Amino acid sequence: MKYWLAGFCLVFVLILAGCGNSDEQTASVSDIPDEPDKETVTSEFENSVGESIETLIDNNFYLLDVVSGERRGSANVYATRLYTVDELEELFKQAEGPDEISDKKNGQQIMIYDDVFITLKQSEEDEDVTLIEVADRTFVRNNYSPNYLNTFFTFALLNSLFGSNWSQNRMDTCQSGGCYGGYTSTYRSNDDGGGSTRRGTSNYRGGGPDAGK
């Protein structure tokens, strides 16, 4: 009887452990599958006609993570070992030139298109991996820290895109936390209901919503 009870308890503990880990799957650049050869991807961009930059990125790079803000909108985070930040900048400009492009700051660069903001950066997890964050304009307007974006663009430009008082209104909101400062692959997601991530290693809504203030 004692042996039966001990066995039952062990099975029960294992079931609980499995349930407890079900939501702790993390996005890691080690998950990047084998990619097409670089020449093939480059050709796809160079010969694209009428394709949006979002479609080209989605068709050619591995989707690592999806970040959803607590104030609407979302950002897709892609990962590649094929290109550096500088090489991706040139590749994207050949396919569809951005409306605005920042200087490279702290190893990051942002390109503004009509509907999306594209951030290029080296992964903190693996220096041989480049991350491509494609954030829709709604997500940027409602979630990004103005001080983070001001690293790359002037407040005058940002206010012209999002409204004359956007930067000040967002800074007031950021005083109480919850402002997004770009995707960081070294943080664990810990979704608490205010926002969500898929396969989550975002630093937003878990792991540091105040990053980038």
Foldseek 3Di string as FASTA:
>chain_A
DVVVVVVVVVVVVVVVVVVVCPPQQAFDPVPFDDFDAPVVLLCCQLPDDPDDLVVSCVVHFAFRKKWAALQGWIKTKTKDLRDAQVRVQVSSCNRPNAPDKFDQDPQKIWGHHPFWIWIWHAAPRDNSMIMIITTTPSCCQGAAQLQLVCVTPPPVVVCVVRNVCSNVVRVVVPVVFQHDNDFHQVAGADAPPSIDMDSDRGCGNGVPSSPRD
